[in-house]
Amino acid sequence: MHSMWDGAEYREERYAAISLARFPRYRAFQDADTLGLYRHLIVTGAWWDYVDDIASHLVGGILRNDPERVSPIMRRWARDKDLWIRRAAILCQLGRKAQTDLDLLRDAVEANMAQSPFGSEFFIRKAVGWALRQYAWTDPAWVVAFVERHADQLAPLSRREALKNVA
C-alpha cells in the first residue's frame, strides 16, 4: 500500500489505496502496528478527504479493537506538530456512539481549542465541532455541558457545529 500511495499520480489512486485498506480481507492487518503507515498517509495526503476517511474508518477501527494500546497514541496525536495528525485524533471516534471513550474525546478536543497551536485553523475548528456533534446524537446533555463549560475556549464554529443537532 505504501508504494501505491507514494507512487500515485492521481487522487483516485489514493482513494483506491484507502479502499483496499478497508477491504474486509485485510482486517487481520489492522492493528496498532499499522498506525505508522496511516500516519504516513495522513501526513503525505494532508487534505480533509483522505484524512477523514483514514481517521474515522482505519484508525478508528484499530482504536476500537485495541483501546489500551491505541488511546495513548491518539492522545499524543492530538498534540502533534502536524495539523492533519491532530485532526485524525479528533475524528478517530466518529460513529462510536455509546462506545465513545469520553476521556479520549475530551482530551483530543481540549488539546485543540482556540488557544492551541492549531486552534484557529478551520480544519481543526470544524473537526472539534463535528466530533462533538456526532457524540451529541448519543448524549446531548454531555455535549451541551461540555460546550457550556468550555464556551470561552471553543471557537464559534466549533460551538455551532457541536450544538447543531441538539434540541
C-alpha atoms as a PDB file:
ATOM      1  CA  MET A   1       0.000   0.000   0.000  1.00  0.00           C
ATOM      2  CA  HIS A   2       2.888   2.324   0.796  1.00  0.00           C
ATOM      3  CA  SER A   3       4.208   2.210  -2.764  1.00  0.00           C
ATOM      4  CA  MET A   4       0.712   2.536  -4.243  1.00  0.00           C
ATOM      5  CA  TRP A   5       0.121   5.664  -2.154  1.00  0.00           C
ATOM      6  CA  ASP A   6       3.512   7.252  -2.725  1.00  0.00           C
ATOM      7  CA  GLY A   7       3.503   6.430  -6.426  1.00  0.00           C
ATOM      8  CA  ALA A   8       0.031   7.791  -7.080  1.00  0.00           C
ATOM      9  CA  GLU A   9      -0.240  10.329  -9.862  1.00  0.00           C
ATOM     10  CA  TYR A  10      -3.957  10.964  -9.393  1.00  0.00           C
ATOM     11  CA  ARG A  11      -6.122  11.449  -6.310  1.00  0.00           C
ATOM     12  CA  GLU A  12      -8.264   8.488  -7.319  1.00  0.00           C
ATOM     13  CA  GLU A  13      -5.276   6.173  -6.912  1.00  0.00           C
ATOM     14  CA  ARG A  14      -5.006   7.240  -3.293  1.00  0.00           C
ATOM     15  CA  TYR A  15      -8.741   6.732  -2.823  1.00  0.00           C
ATOM     16  CA  ALA A  16      -8.220   3.219  -4.177  1.00  0.00           C
ATOM     17  CA  ALA A  17      -5.406   2.617  -1.684  1.00  0.00           C
ATOM     18  CA  ILE A  18      -7.685   3.649   1.192  1.00  0.00           C
ATOM     19  CA  SER A  19     -10.461   1.420  -0.150  1.00  0.00           C
ATOM     20  CA  LEU A  20      -8.079  -1.525  -0.316  1.00  0.00           C
ATOM     21  CA  ALA A  21      -7.004  -0.970   3.275  1.00  0.00           C
ATOM     22  CA  ARG A  22     -10.677  -1.033   4.304  1.00  0.00           C
ATOM     23  CA  PHE A  23     -11.349  -4.260   2.416  1.00  0.00           C
ATOM     24  CA  PRO A  24     -12.567  -6.989   4.841  1.00  0.00           C
ATOM     25  CA  ARG A  25      -9.859  -9.409   3.733  1.00  0.00           C
ATOM     26  CA  TYR A  26      -7.223  -7.106   5.260  1.00  0.00           C
ATOM     27  CA  ARG A  27      -8.828  -6.703   8.699  1.00  0.00           C
ATOM     28  CA  ALA A  28      -6.244  -9.014  10.211  1.00  0.00           C
ATOM     29  CA  PHE A  29      -3.588  -6.427   9.356  1.00  0.00           C
ATOM     30  CA  GLN A  30      -5.431  -3.616  11.106  1.00  0.00           C
ATOM     31  CA  ASP A  31      -3.594  -3.292  14.399  1.00  0.00           C
ATOM     32  CA  ALA A  32      -1.594  -0.722  16.351  1.00  0.00           C
ATOM     33  CA  ASP A  33       1.498  -1.549  14.301  1.00  0.00           C
ATOM     34  CA  THR A  34      -0.308  -0.226  11.210  1.00  0.00           C
ATOM     35  CA  LEU A  35      -0.675   3.255  12.724  1.00  0.00           C
ATOM     36  CA  GLY A  36       2.768   4.208  11.399  1.00  0.00           C
ATOM     37  CA  LEU A  37       1.557   3.564   7.866  1.00  0.00           C
ATOM     38  CA  TYR A  38      -1.636   5.528   8.459  1.00  0.00           C
ATOM     39  CA  ARG A  39       0.349   8.373   9.971  1.00  0.00           C
ATOM     40  CA  HIS A  40       2.399   8.456   6.752  1.00  0.00           C
ATOM     41  CA  LEU A  41      -0.780   8.517   4.637  1.00  0.00           C
ATOM     42  CA  ILE A  42      -2.238  11.328   6.727  1.00  0.00           C
ATOM     43  CA  VAL A  43       0.886  13.482   6.622  1.00  0.00           C
ATOM     44  CA  THR A  44       1.599  12.954   2.935  1.00  0.00           C
ATOM     45  CA  GLY A  45      -2.077  13.172   1.928  1.00  0.00           C
ATOM     46  CA  ALA A  46      -2.605  16.280   4.062  1.00  0.00           C
ATOM     47  CA  TRP A  47      -6.151  17.066   2.994  1.00  0.00           C
ATOM     48  CA  TRP A  48      -9.531  16.516   4.616  1.00  0.00           C
ATOM     49  CA  ASP A  49     -10.908  13.911   2.205  1.00  0.00           C
ATOM     50  CA  TYR A  50      -8.054  11.483   2.809  1.00  0.00           C
ATOM     51  CA  VAL A  51      -7.592  12.272   6.487  1.00  0.00           C
ATOM     52  CA  ASP A  52     -11.247  11.963   7.455  1.00  0.00           C
ATOM     53  CA  ASP A  53     -11.643   8.545   5.835  1.00  0.00           C
ATOM     54  CA  ILE A  54      -8.375   7.212   7.269  1.00  0.00           C
ATOM     55  CA  ALA A  55      -9.131   8.612  10.734  1.00  0.00           C
ATOM     56  CA  SER A  56     -12.734   7.538  11.098  1.00  0.00           C
ATOM     57  CA  HIS A  57     -12.548   4.135   9.426  1.00  0.00           C
ATOM     58  CA  LEU A  58      -8.986   2.835   9.606  1.00  0.00           C
ATOM     59  CA  VAL A  59      -7.523   4.484  12.708  1.00  0.00           C
ATOM     60  CA  GLY A  60     -10.926   4.332  14.397  1.00  0.00           C
ATOM     61  CA  GLY A  61     -11.193   0.598  13.759  1.00  0.00           C
ATOM     62  CA  ILE A  62      -7.783  -0.021  15.253  1.00  0.00           C
ATOM     63  CA  LEU A  63      -8.698   2.105  18.288  1.00  0.00           C
ATOM     64  CA  ARG A  64     -11.923   0.132  18.731  1.00  0.00           C
ATOM     65  CA  ASN A  65     -10.036  -3.198  18.657  1.00  0.00           C
ATOM     66  CA  ASP A  66      -7.100  -2.204  20.884  1.00  0.00           C
ATOM     67  CA  PRO A  67      -8.013   0.829  23.010  1.00  0.00           C
ATOM     68  CA  GLU A  68      -5.384   0.182  25.680  1.00  0.00           C
ATOM     69  CA  ARG A  69      -2.578   0.421  23.170  1.00  0.00           C
ATOM     70  CA  VAL A  70      -4.045   2.996  20.802  1.00  0.00           C
ATOM     71  CA  SER A  71      -5.637   5.563  23.158  1.00  0.00           C
ATOM     72  CA  PRO A  72      -2.269   6.860  24.401  1.00  0.00           C
ATOM     73  CA  ILE A  73      -1.125   7.187  20.791  1.00  0.00           C
ATOM     74  CA  MET A  74      -4.249   9.194  19.927  1.00  0.00           C
ATOM     75  CA  ARG A  75      -3.578  11.467  22.899  1.00  0.00           C
ATOM     76  CA  ARG A  76      -0.086  12.136  21.501  1.00  0.00           C
ATOM     77  CA  TRP A  77      -1.526  12.652  18.025  1.00  0.00           C
ATOM     78  CA  ALA A  78      -3.980  15.224  19.448  1.00  0.00           C
ATOM     79  CA  ARG A  79      -0.945  17.336  20.423  1.00  0.00           C
ATOM     80  CA  ASP A  80       1.183  16.609  17.371  1.00  0.00           C
ATOM     81  CA  LYS A  81       3.043  19.293  15.425  1.00  0.00           C
ATOM     82  CA  ASP A  82       1.097  18.309  12.299  1.00  0.00           C
ATOM     83  CA  LEU A  83      -2.397  19.757  11.830  1.00  0.00           C
ATOM     84  CA  TRP A  84      -3.690  16.690   9.966  1.00  0.00           C
ATOM     85  CA  ILE A  85      -2.486  14.245  12.630  1.00  0.00           C
ATOM     86  CA  ARG A  86      -4.335  16.344  15.189  1.00  0.00           C
ATOM     87  CA  ARG A  87      -7.467  16.249  13.022  1.00  0.00           C
ATOM     88  CA  ALA A  88      -7.205  12.457  12.792  1.00  0.00           C
ATOM     89  CA  ALA A  89      -7.007  12.178  16.588  1.00  0.00           C
ATOM     90  CA  ILE A  90     -10.113  14.332  16.972  1.00  0.00           C
ATOM     91  CA  LEU A  91     -12.115  12.367  14.391  1.00  0.00           C
ATOM     92  CA  CYS A  92     -10.983   8.809  15.135  1.00  0.00           C
ATOM     93  CA  GLN A  93     -14.088   8.036  17.224  1.00  0.00           C
ATOM     94  CA  LEU A  94     -16.759   9.215  14.787  1.00  0.00           C
ATOM     95  CA  GLY A  95     -19.688   6.843  14.813  1.00  0.00           C
ATOM     96  CA  ARG A  96     -18.703   5.077  18.042  1.00  0.00           C
ATOM     97  CA  LYS A  97     -21.886   6.275  19.766  1.00  0.00           C
ATOM     98  CA  ALA A  98     -22.125   4.793  23.287  1.00  0.00           C
ATOM     99  CA  GLN A  99     -18.698   3.160  22.854  1.00  0.00           C
ATOM    100  CA  THR A 100     -17.041   6.578  22.589  1.00  0.00           C
ATOM    101  CA  ASP A 101     -14.184   6.933  25.049  1.00  0.00           C
ATOM    102  CA  LEU A 102     -15.261  10.239  26.582  1.00  0.00           C
ATOM    103  CA  ASP A 103     -11.923  10.822  28.273  1.00  0.00           C
ATOM    104  CA  LEU A 104     -10.153  10.476  24.928  1.00  0.00           C
ATOM    105  CA  LEU A 105     -12.711  12.693  23.168  1.00  0.00           C
ATOM    106  CA  ARG A 106     -12.366  15.327  25.888  1.00  0.00           C
ATOM    107  CA  ASP A 107      -8.561  15.178  25.767  1.00  0.00           C
ATOM    108  CA  ALA A 108      -8.459  15.467  21.960  1.00  0.00           C
ATOM    109  CA  VAL A 109     -10.875  18.395  21.927  1.00  0.00           C
ATOM    110  CA  GLU A 110      -9.258  20.237  24.839  1.00  0.00           C
ATOM    111  CA  ALA A 111      -5.849  19.912  23.166  1.00  0.00           C
ATOM    112  CA  ASN A 112      -7.239  21.675  20.094  1.00  0.00           C
ATOM    113  CA  MET A 113      -9.309  24.531  21.417  1.00  0.00           C
ATOM    114  CA  ALA A 114      -8.997  28.117  20.189  1.00  0.00           C
ATOM    115  CA  GLN A 115      -5.797  28.911  22.107  1.00  0.00           C
ATOM    116  CA  SER A 116      -3.924  25.770  20.949  1.00  0.00           C
ATOM    117  CA  PRO A 117      -1.264  25.912  18.210  1.00  0.00           C
ATOM    118  CA  PHE A 118      -3.801  24.975  15.512  1.00  0.00           C
ATOM    119  CA  GLY A 119      -6.932  26.169  17.294  1.00  0.00           C
ATOM    120  CA  SER A 120      -7.528  28.931  14.778  1.00  0.00           C
ATOM    121  CA  GLU A 121      -7.250  26.604  11.766  1.00  0.00           C
ATOM    122  CA  PHE A 122     -10.548  25.909  10.008  1.00  0.00           C
ATOM    123  CA  PHE A 123      -9.930  22.163   9.686  1.00  0.00           C
ATOM    124  CA  ILE A 124      -9.311  21.814  13.426  1.00  0.00           C
ATOM    125  CA  ARG A 125     -12.234  24.019  14.455  1.00  0.00           C
ATOM    126  CA  LYS A 126     -14.548  22.062  12.141  1.00  0.00           C
ATOM    127  CA  ALA A 127     -13.251  18.690  13.376  1.00  0.00           C
ATOM    128  CA  VAL A 128     -13.811  19.658  17.012  1.00  0.00           C
ATOM    129  CA  GLY A 129     -17.393  20.632  16.267  1.00  0.00           C
ATOM    130  CA  TRP A 130     -18.008  17.553  14.146  1.00  0.00           C
ATOM    131  CA  ALA A 131     -16.692  15.148  16.784  1.00  0.00           C
ATOM    132  CA  LEU A 132     -18.870  16.751  19.449  1.00  0.00           C
ATOM    133  CA  ARG A 133     -21.910  16.889  17.138  1.00  0.00           C
ATOM    134  CA  GLN A 134     -21.565  13.173  16.374  1.00  0.00           C
ATOM    135  CA  TYR A 135     -21.473  12.322  20.061  1.00  0.00           C
ATOM    136  CA  ALA A 136     -24.453  14.620  20.704  1.00  0.00           C
ATOM    137  CA  TRP A 137     -26.633  12.076  18.874  1.00  0.00           C
ATOM    138  CA  THR A 138     -25.835   9.706  21.756  1.00  0.00           C
ATOM    139  CA  ASP A 139     -25.601  12.036  24.750  1.00  0.00           C
ATOM    140  CA  PRO A 140     -26.720  15.590  24.002  1.00  0.00           C
ATOM    141  CA  ALA A 141     -26.606  16.578  27.677  1.00  0.00           C
ATOM    142  CA  TRP A 142     -22.899  15.689  27.898  1.00  0.00           C
ATOM    143  CA  VAL A 143     -22.120  17.752  24.787  1.00  0.00           C
ATOM    144  CA  VAL A 144     -24.166  20.750  25.945  1.00  0.00           C
ATOM    145  CA  ALA A 145     -22.461  20.667  29.356  1.00  0.00           C
ATOM    146  CA  PHE A 146     -19.026  20.329  27.712  1.00  0.00           C
ATOM    147  CA  VAL A 147     -19.695  23.277  25.377  1.00  0.00           C
ATOM    148  CA  GLU A 148     -21.017  25.412  28.242  1.00  0.00           C
ATOM    149  CA  ARG A 149     -18.000  24.553  30.407  1.00  0.00           C
ATOM    150  CA  HIS A 150     -15.603  25.482  27.577  1.00  0.00           C
ATOM    151  CA  ALA A 151     -17.627  28.257  25.900  1.00  0.00           C
ATOM    152  CA  ASP A 152     -14.807  30.805  26.072  1.00  0.00           C
ATOM    153  CA  GLN A 153     -12.216  28.294  24.806  1.00  0.00           C
ATOM    154  CA  LEU A 154     -14.124  26.775  21.880  1.00  0.00           C
ATOM    155  CA  ALA A 155     -14.079  28.612  18.581  1.00  0.00           C
ATOM    156  CA  PRO A 156     -17.516  29.885  17.486  1.00  0.00           C
ATOM    157  CA  LEU A 157     -17.501  27.423  14.564  1.00  0.00           C
ATOM    158  CA  SER A 158     -16.788  24.519  16.923  1.00  0.00           C
ATOM    159  CA  ARG A 159     -19.605  25.566  19.264  1.00  0.00           C
ATOM    160  CA  ARG A 160     -22.077  25.985  16.393  1.00  0.00           C
ATOM    161  CA  GLU A 161     -21.197  22.602  14.897  1.00  0.00           C
ATOM    162  CA  ALA A 162     -21.287  20.845  18.271  1.00  0.00           C
ATOM    163  CA  LEU A 163     -24.783  22.088  19.047  1.00  0.00           C
ATOM    164  CA  LYS A 164     -26.230  21.925  15.521  1.00  0.00           C
ATOM    165  CA  ASN A 165     -28.476  18.909  16.211  1.00  0.00           C
ATOM    166  CA  VAL A 166     -29.190  19.472  19.875  1.00  0.00           C
ATOM    167  CA  ALA A 167     -32.822  20.392  20.509  1.00  0.00           C
END
